[in-house]
Amino acid sequence: METLILPIGSYEYHWSLPLNTDTLIALCVSRKLAEKLEKVIIYPPVNYSVSIEHLECMETISVDPEVFLAYMRNIVLNLLKLKPERIVLINGHGGNKGLLTTLITELQYTASEIDIVLLDIWSAIEKIASKYFGIKVGNIVHGGLIEASIIAACGVKLKEFKDITLEEAIKIIAKKSNNKSLIKRPWSIKDLKEPTKIYSKELGERLLEVLVSEVVREIRHHKKGKIEPL
């Protein structure tokens, strides 16, 4: 039986990182998972998604939420016709999480014999950073240290960036982990300050290593409908 993997990204402003950073990371994670699993097919990524919070930046391409949800439903329904053992959606863009969670919940009831799961990379990274590195990330800064570290670990060259040590990176992240809000409000790119041009390839490699290991373990245990690792 096959595992079908669908990477999902975005095309949005990421400061000094590539516009398709989320897609590149989702593809990277998909390929690393495929190396550890048997009989895997990776489908071409979904490159455009819901990036409403970045519309003020001219380079961003955003899809209306209802259009994205309908589009993704059609893709997954076509994958279901192939009758694989499981379908894994690898989401690299936080703005898609709610819609994709709704989608897999809906479709799991109509195709209960097939395991449909969602890996939301950034939710997983927050849990991994806390569990394995003892740091509370809070909301991961868009285009910031953690995202830059992961995309560097995926092999993307970052010009004018400084590569710092794992220890230095953890100290910086720990200082910025002060989000204590219990409620969630919409935000836009204008609410953020441009991040410092630093990354830690070592941190990125460690985070990816743990992420892939945990996800493979959960997939092999057939935890049906599991939304996030850990």
C-alpha atoms as a PDB file:
ATOM      1  CA  MET A   1       0.000   0.000   0.000  1.00  0.00           C
ATOM      2  CA  GLU A   2       1.212   3.475  -0.872  1.00  0.00           C
ATOM      3  CA  THR A   3       1.642   6.703   1.047  1.00  0.00           C
ATOM      4  CA  LEU A   4       0.795   9.786  -1.016  1.00  0.00           C
ATOM      5  CA  ILE A   5       2.421  13.033   0.122  1.00  0.00           C
ATOM      6  CA  LEU A   6       1.190  16.461  -0.957  1.00  0.00           C
ATOM      7  CA  PRO A   7       3.397  19.456  -0.020  1.00  0.00           C
ATOM      8  CA  ILE A   8       1.515  22.727   0.459  1.00  0.00           C
ATOM      9  CA  GLY A   9       3.229  26.106   0.591  1.00  0.00           C
ATOM     10  CA  SER A  10       2.607  29.731  -0.301  1.00  0.00           C
ATOM     11  CA  TYR A  11       3.970  32.602  -2.351  1.00  0.00           C
ATOM     12  CA  GLU A  12       4.287  35.544  -0.008  1.00  0.00           C
ATOM     13  CA  TYR A  13       6.631  38.191   1.308  1.00  0.00           C
ATOM     14  CA  HIS A  14       9.294  36.720   3.604  1.00  0.00           C
ATOM     15  CA  TRP A  15      11.579  39.711   4.093  1.00  0.00           C
ATOM     16  CA  SER A  16      14.998  38.571   2.854  1.00  0.00           C
ATOM     17  CA  LEU A  17      13.964  34.932   2.423  1.00  0.00           C
ATOM     18  CA  PRO A  18      12.556  33.604  -0.885  1.00  0.00           C
ATOM     19  CA  LEU A  19       8.888  34.304  -1.665  1.00  0.00           C
ATOM     20  CA  ASN A  20       8.281  30.557  -1.915  1.00  0.00           C
ATOM     21  CA  THR A  21       9.999  29.743   1.387  1.00  0.00           C
ATOM     22  CA  ASP A  22       6.986  27.823   2.745  1.00  0.00           C
ATOM     23  CA  THR A  23       6.824  25.682  -0.406  1.00  0.00           C
ATOM     24  CA  LEU A  24      10.553  24.931  -0.324  1.00  0.00           C
ATOM     25  CA  ILE A  25      10.346  23.846   3.312  1.00  0.00           C
ATOM     26  CA  ALA A  26       7.249  21.691   2.710  1.00  0.00           C
ATOM     27  CA  LEU A  27       9.036  19.996  -0.200  1.00  0.00           C
ATOM     28  CA  CYS A  28      12.159  19.471   1.895  1.00  0.00           C
ATOM     29  CA  VAL A  29      10.208  17.829   4.716  1.00  0.00           C
ATOM     30  CA  SER A  30       8.290  15.696   2.195  1.00  0.00           C
ATOM     31  CA  ARG A  31      11.507  14.384   0.658  1.00  0.00           C
ATOM     32  CA  LYS A  32      13.053  13.620   4.029  1.00  0.00           C
ATOM     33  CA  LEU A  33       9.931  11.688   5.036  1.00  0.00           C
ATOM     34  CA  ALA A  34       9.968   9.768   1.754  1.00  0.00           C
ATOM     35  CA  GLU A  35      13.520   8.598   2.517  1.00  0.00           C
ATOM     36  CA  LYS A  36      12.292   6.944   5.727  1.00  0.00           C
ATOM     37  CA  LEU A  37       9.011   5.421   4.518  1.00  0.00           C
ATOM     38  CA  GLU A  38       8.208   2.698   2.019  1.00  0.00           C
ATOM     39  CA  LYS A  39       6.257   3.085  -1.246  1.00  0.00           C
ATOM     40  CA  VAL A  40       5.916   6.853  -1.199  1.00  0.00           C
ATOM     41  CA  ILE A  41       4.777   9.143  -3.996  1.00  0.00           C
ATOM     42  CA  ILE A  42       5.418  12.893  -3.585  1.00  0.00           C
ATOM     43  CA  TYR A  43       3.069  14.997  -5.671  1.00  0.00           C
ATOM     44  CA  PRO A  44       3.970  18.421  -7.088  1.00  0.00           C
ATOM     45  CA  PRO A  45       3.423  21.109  -4.430  1.00  0.00           C
ATOM     46  CA  VAL A  46       0.511  23.478  -4.068  1.00  0.00           C
ATOM     47  CA  ASN A  47       2.356  26.767  -4.571  1.00  0.00           C
ATOM     48  CA  TYR A  48      -0.361  29.354  -3.895  1.00  0.00           C
ATOM     49  CA  SER A  49      -2.575  29.484  -0.824  1.00  0.00           C
ATOM     50  CA  VAL A  50      -4.176  31.801   1.745  1.00  0.00           C
ATOM     51  CA  SER A  51      -1.814  34.709   2.483  1.00  0.00           C
ATOM     52  CA  ILE A  52      -4.265  37.471   3.346  1.00  0.00           C
ATOM     53  CA  GLU A  53      -1.966  38.929   6.010  1.00  0.00           C
ATOM     54  CA  HIS A  54       0.668  39.649   3.342  1.00  0.00           C
ATOM     55  CA  LEU A  55      -1.503  41.253   0.671  1.00  0.00           C
ATOM     56  CA  GLU A  56      -0.033  44.688   1.368  1.00  0.00           C
ATOM     57  CA  CYS A  57       3.191  43.417  -0.190  1.00  0.00           C
ATOM     58  CA  MET A  58       2.909  43.551  -3.967  1.00  0.00           C
ATOM     59  CA  GLU A  59       4.874  40.326  -4.535  1.00  0.00           C
ATOM     60  CA  THR A  60       2.397  38.207  -2.569  1.00  0.00           C
ATOM     61  CA  ILE A  61      -0.120  36.002  -4.382  1.00  0.00           C
ATOM     62  CA  SER A  62      -3.041  35.030  -2.133  1.00  0.00           C
ATOM     63  CA  VAL A  63      -6.014  32.765  -2.840  1.00  0.00           C
ATOM     64  CA  ASP A  64      -9.437  33.434  -1.285  1.00  0.00           C
ATOM     65  CA  PRO A  65     -10.075  30.959   1.574  1.00  0.00           C
ATOM     66  CA  GLU A  66     -13.199  29.453   0.011  1.00  0.00           C
ATOM     67  CA  VAL A  67     -11.392  28.963  -3.312  1.00  0.00           C
ATOM     68  CA  PHE A  68      -8.392  27.342  -1.616  1.00  0.00           C
ATOM     69  CA  LEU A  69     -10.623  24.994   0.396  1.00  0.00           C
ATOM     70  CA  ALA A  70     -12.574  23.913  -2.692  1.00  0.00           C
ATOM     71  CA  TYR A  71      -9.368  23.459  -4.685  1.00  0.00           C
ATOM     72  CA  MET A  72      -7.745  21.337  -1.971  1.00  0.00           C
ATOM     73  CA  ARG A  73     -10.904  19.258  -1.586  1.00  0.00           C
ATOM     74  CA  ASN A  74     -10.811  18.418  -5.283  1.00  0.00           C
ATOM     75  CA  ILE A  75      -7.136  17.456  -5.138  1.00  0.00           C
ATOM     76  CA  VAL A  76      -7.593  15.164  -2.143  1.00  0.00           C
ATOM     77  CA  LEU A  77     -10.739  13.583  -3.615  1.00  0.00           C
ATOM     78  CA  ASN A  78      -8.718  12.694  -6.713  1.00  0.00           C
ATOM     79  CA  LEU A  79      -5.987  11.188  -4.551  1.00  0.00           C
ATOM     80  CA  LEU A  80      -8.591   9.155  -2.660  1.00  0.00           C
ATOM     81  CA  LYS A  81      -9.654   7.494  -5.922  1.00  0.00           C
ATOM     82  CA  LEU A  82      -6.217   5.860  -6.032  1.00  0.00           C
ATOM     83  CA  LYS A  83      -7.043   4.036  -2.771  1.00  0.00           C
ATOM     84  CA  PRO A  84      -3.678   4.502  -1.034  1.00  0.00           C
ATOM     85  CA  GLU A  85      -3.031   3.420   2.529  1.00  0.00           C
ATOM     86  CA  ARG A  86      -2.698   7.045   3.596  1.00  0.00           C
ATOM     87  CA  ILE A  87      -2.554  10.613   2.332  1.00  0.00           C
ATOM     88  CA  VAL A  88      -0.241  13.028   4.138  1.00  0.00           C
ATOM     89  CA  LEU A  89      -0.683  16.771   3.642  1.00  0.00           C
ATOM     90  CA  ILE A  90       2.556  18.607   4.503  1.00  0.00           C
ATOM     91  CA  ASN A  91       1.631  22.223   5.235  1.00  0.00           C
ATOM     92  CA  GLY A  92       4.414  24.806   5.284  1.00  0.00           C
ATOM     93  CA  HIS A  93       2.205  27.901   5.640  1.00  0.00           C
ATOM     94  CA  GLY A  94       0.485  28.715   8.926  1.00  0.00           C
ATOM     95  CA  GLY A  95      -2.371  30.557   7.223  1.00  0.00           C
ATOM     96  CA  ASN A  96      -3.635  27.263   5.771  1.00  0.00           C
ATOM     97  CA  LYS A  97      -3.821  25.264   8.990  1.00  0.00           C
ATOM     98  CA  GLY A  98      -7.434  25.927   9.970  1.00  0.00           C
ATOM     99  CA  LEU A  99      -8.818  25.254   6.503  1.00  0.00           C
ATOM    100  CA  LEU A 100      -6.789  22.077   6.037  1.00  0.00           C
ATOM    101  CA  THR A 101      -7.827  20.790   9.469  1.00  0.00           C
ATOM    102  CA  THR A 102     -11.476  21.303   8.516  1.00  0.00           C
ATOM    103  CA  LEU A 103     -10.904  19.553   5.192  1.00  0.00           C
ATOM    104  CA  ILE A 104      -9.278  16.386   6.519  1.00  0.00           C
ATOM    105  CA  THR A 105     -11.877  16.127   9.305  1.00  0.00           C
ATOM    106  CA  GLU A 106     -14.638  16.263   6.703  1.00  0.00           C
ATOM    107  CA  LEU A 107     -13.039  13.813   4.276  1.00  0.00           C
ATOM    108  CA  GLN A 108     -11.970  11.305   6.919  1.00  0.00           C
ATOM    109  CA  TYR A 109     -15.637  10.578   7.603  1.00  0.00           C
ATOM    110  CA  THR A 110     -16.357   9.908   3.921  1.00  0.00           C
ATOM    111  CA  ALA A 111     -13.225   7.794   3.366  1.00  0.00           C
ATOM    112  CA  SER A 112     -12.725   6.089   6.706  1.00  0.00           C
ATOM    113  CA  GLU A 113     -10.724   3.216   5.208  1.00  0.00           C
ATOM    114  CA  ILE A 114      -7.910   5.598   4.171  1.00  0.00           C
ATOM    115  CA  ASP A 115      -5.769   7.465   6.674  1.00  0.00           C
ATOM    116  CA  ILE A 116      -5.816  11.195   5.868  1.00  0.00           C
ATOM    117  CA  VAL A 117      -3.422  13.232   8.028  1.00  0.00           C
ATOM    118  CA  LEU A 118      -2.095  16.761   8.215  1.00  0.00           C
ATOM    119  CA  LEU A 119       1.395  17.725   9.297  1.00  0.00           C
ATOM    120  CA  ASP A 120       1.408  21.443  10.054  1.00  0.00           C
ATOM    121  CA  ILE A 121       5.127  22.109  10.111  1.00  0.00           C
ATOM    122  CA  TRP A 122       5.129  25.243  12.264  1.00  0.00           C
ATOM    123  CA  SER A 123       2.825  23.853  14.960  1.00  0.00           C
ATOM    124  CA  ALA A 124       5.079  20.808  15.100  1.00  0.00           C
ATOM    125  CA  ILE A 125       8.278  22.884  15.261  1.00  0.00           C
ATOM    126  CA  GLU A 126       6.942  24.838  18.236  1.00  0.00           C
ATOM    127  CA  LYS A 127       6.297  21.611  20.139  1.00  0.00           C
ATOM    128  CA  ILE A 128       9.670  20.149  19.185  1.00  0.00           C
ATOM    129  CA  ALA A 129      11.531  23.296  20.249  1.00  0.00           C
ATOM    130  CA  SER A 130       9.852  23.121  23.636  1.00  0.00           C
ATOM    131  CA  LYS A 131      10.188  19.358  24.192  1.00  0.00           C
ATOM    132  CA  TYR A 132      13.734  18.791  22.937  1.00  0.00           C
ATOM    133  CA  PHE A 133      15.448  22.174  23.323  1.00  0.00           C
ATOM    134  CA  GLY A 134      13.639  23.554  26.374  1.00  0.00           C
ATOM    135  CA  ILE A 135      12.625  26.794  24.653  1.00  0.00           C
ATOM    136  CA  LYS A 136       9.154  28.266  24.383  1.00  0.00           C
ATOM    137  CA  VAL A 137       8.922  29.700  20.913  1.00  0.00           C
ATOM    138  CA  GLY A 138       5.492  31.313  21.128  1.00  0.00           C
ATOM    139  CA  ASN A 139       4.565  32.593  17.698  1.00  0.00           C
ATOM    140  CA  ILE A 140       7.422  31.833  15.310  1.00  0.00           C
ATOM    141  CA  VAL A 141       8.591  35.119  13.810  1.00  0.00           C
ATOM    142  CA  HIS A 142       7.701  35.272  10.125  1.00  0.00           C
ATOM    143  CA  GLY A 143      10.898  35.075   8.094  1.00  0.00           C
ATOM    144  CA  GLY A 144      12.904  35.048  11.298  1.00  0.00           C
ATOM    145  CA  LEU A 145      15.662  32.964  12.862  1.00  0.00           C
ATOM    146  CA  ILE A 146      13.858  29.611  13.010  1.00  0.00           C
ATOM    147  CA  GLU A 147      12.409  29.812   9.510  1.00  0.00           C
ATOM    148  CA  ALA A 148      15.770  30.950   8.111  1.00  0.00           C
ATOM    149  CA  SER A 149      17.544  28.120   9.965  1.00  0.00           C
ATOM    150  CA  ILE A 150      15.220  25.473   8.555  1.00  0.00           C
ATOM    151  CA  ILE A 151      15.378  26.678   4.963  1.00  0.00           C
ATOM    152  CA  ALA A 152      19.185  26.852   5.238  1.00  0.00           C
ATOM    153  CA  ALA A 153      19.170  23.254   6.465  1.00  0.00           C
ATOM    154  CA  CYS A 154      17.113  22.419   3.357  1.00  0.00           C
ATOM    155  CA  GLY A 155      20.034  23.579   1.212  1.00  0.00           C
ATOM    156  CA  VAL A 156      18.911  27.092   0.268  1.00  0.00           C
ATOM    157  CA  LYS A 157      21.788  29.590   0.167  1.00  0.00           C
ATOM    158  CA  LEU A 158      21.057  32.757   2.150  1.00  0.00           C
ATOM    159  CA  LYS A 159      23.073  35.732   0.941  1.00  0.00           C
ATOM    160  CA  GLU A 160      24.121  38.387   3.444  1.00  0.00           C
ATOM    161  CA  PHE A 161      23.015  36.168   6.356  1.00  0.00           C
ATOM    162  CA  LYS A 162      25.266  35.140   9.240  1.00  0.00           C
ATOM    163  CA  ASP A 163      25.346  31.496  10.349  1.00  0.00           C
ATOM    164  CA  ILE A 164      25.399  31.334  14.166  1.00  0.00           C
ATOM    165  CA  THR A 165      25.847  28.391  16.529  1.00  0.00           C
ATOM    166  CA  LEU A 166      23.047  26.297  17.983  1.00  0.00           C
ATOM    167  CA  GLU A 167      23.728  27.682  21.447  1.00  0.00           C
ATOM    168  CA  GLU A 168      23.577  31.288  20.221  1.00  0.00           C
ATOM    169  CA  ALA A 169      20.326  30.607  18.388  1.00  0.00           C
ATOM    170  CA  ILE A 170      18.647  29.049  21.431  1.00  0.00           C
ATOM    171  CA  LYS A 171      19.592  32.035  23.603  1.00  0.00           C
ATOM    172  CA  ILE A 172      18.135  34.494  21.070  1.00  0.00           C
ATOM    173  CA  ILE A 173      14.897  32.532  20.678  1.00  0.00           C
ATOM    174  CA  ALA A 174      14.475  32.161  24.443  1.00  0.00           C
ATOM    175  CA  LYS A 175      14.687  35.940  24.896  1.00  0.00           C
ATOM    176  CA  LYS A 176      11.950  36.533  22.330  1.00  0.00           C
ATOM    177  CA  SER A 177       9.571  33.861  23.638  1.00  0.00           C
ATOM    178  CA  ASN A 178       7.308  36.150  25.632  1.00  0.00           C
ATOM    179  CA  ASN A 179       3.938  35.772  23.953  1.00  0.00           C
ATOM    180  CA  LYS A 180       1.448  35.159  26.786  1.00  0.00           C
ATOM    181  CA  SER A 181      -1.781  36.145  25.059  1.00  0.00           C
ATOM    182  CA  LEU A 182      -4.723  33.773  25.458  1.00  0.00           C
ATOM    183  CA  ILE A 183      -6.608  35.186  22.493  1.00  0.00           C
ATOM    184  CA  LYS A 184      -5.734  35.323  18.814  1.00  0.00           C
ATOM    185  CA  ARG A 185      -6.115  38.399  16.615  1.00  0.00           C
ATOM    186  CA  PRO A 186      -5.510  38.821  12.887  1.00  0.00           C
ATOM    187  CA  TRP A 187      -2.185  40.366  11.976  1.00  0.00           C
ATOM    188  CA  SER A 188      -0.543  41.742   8.878  1.00  0.00           C
ATOM    189  CA  ILE A 189       3.048  42.124   7.734  1.00  0.00           C
ATOM    190  CA  LYS A 190       3.024  45.802   8.730  1.00  0.00           C
ATOM    191  CA  ASP A 191       2.713  44.728  12.395  1.00  0.00           C
ATOM    192  CA  LEU A 192       6.153  43.082  12.269  1.00  0.00           C
ATOM    193  CA  LYS A 193       9.704  44.356  12.308  1.00  0.00           C
ATOM    194  CA  GLU A 194      12.170  43.030   9.773  1.00  0.00           C
ATOM    195  CA  PRO A 195      14.134  40.176  11.404  1.00  0.00           C
ATOM    196  CA  THR A 196      17.904  40.232  11.779  1.00  0.00           C
ATOM    197  CA  LYS A 197      19.680  38.382   8.962  1.00  0.00           C
ATOM    198  CA  ILE A 198      20.920  35.418  10.967  1.00  0.00           C
ATOM    199  CA  TYR A 199      20.331  31.685  10.921  1.00  0.00           C
ATOM    200  CA  SER A 200      21.725  28.548  12.513  1.00  0.00           C
ATOM    201  CA  LYS A 201      22.054  25.706  10.059  1.00  0.00           C
ATOM    202  CA  GLU A 202      22.791  23.412  12.982  1.00  0.00           C
ATOM    203  CA  LEU A 203      19.487  24.374  14.643  1.00  0.00           C
ATOM    204  CA  GLY A 204      17.621  23.845  11.379  1.00  0.00           C
ATOM    205  CA  GLU A 205      19.161  20.412  10.876  1.00  0.00           C
ATOM    206  CA  ARG A 206      18.345  19.344  14.443  1.00  0.00           C
ATOM    207  CA  LEU A 207      14.729  20.532  14.174  1.00  0.00           C
ATOM    208  CA  LEU A 208      14.223  18.740  10.855  1.00  0.00           C
ATOM    209  CA  GLU A 209      15.841  15.558  12.155  1.00  0.00           C
ATOM    210  CA  VAL A 210      13.519  15.381  15.158  1.00  0.00           C
ATOM    211  CA  LEU A 211      10.472  16.400  13.120  1.00  0.00           C
ATOM    212  CA  VAL A 212      10.979  13.649  10.541  1.00  0.00           C
ATOM    213  CA  SER A 213      11.758  11.037  13.189  1.00  0.00           C
ATOM    214  CA  GLU A 214       8.610  11.832  15.189  1.00  0.00           C
ATOM    215  CA  VAL A 215       6.343  11.935  12.136  1.00  0.00           C
ATOM    216  CA  VAL A 216       7.660   8.623  10.781  1.00  0.00           C
ATOM    217  CA  ARG A 217       7.090   7.021  14.182  1.00  0.00           C
ATOM    218  CA  GLU A 218       3.495   8.256  14.300  1.00  0.00           C
ATOM    219  CA  ILE A 219       2.748   7.215  10.726  1.00  0.00           C
ATOM    220  CA  ARG A 220       4.051   3.709  11.353  1.00  0.00           C
ATOM    221  CA  HIS A 221       1.815   3.443  14.410  1.00  0.00           C
ATOM    222  CA  HIS A 222      -1.184   4.274  12.190  1.00  0.00           C
ATOM    223  CA  LYS A 223      -2.557   7.037  14.389  1.00  0.00           C
ATOM    224  CA  LYS A 224      -5.503   7.814  12.187  1.00  0.00           C
ATOM    225  CA  GLY A 225      -6.481  11.444  11.778  1.00  0.00           C
ATOM    226  CA  LYS A 226      -3.600  12.753  13.889  1.00  0.00           C
ATOM    227  CA  ILE A 227      -3.203  16.444  13.119  1.00  0.00           C
ATOM    228  CA  GLU A 228       0.260  17.180  14.511  1.00  0.00           C
ATOM    229  CA  PRO A 229       3.236  15.141  15.682  1.00  0.00           C
ATOM    230  CA  LEU A 230       4.131  14.837  19.362  1.00  0.00           C
END
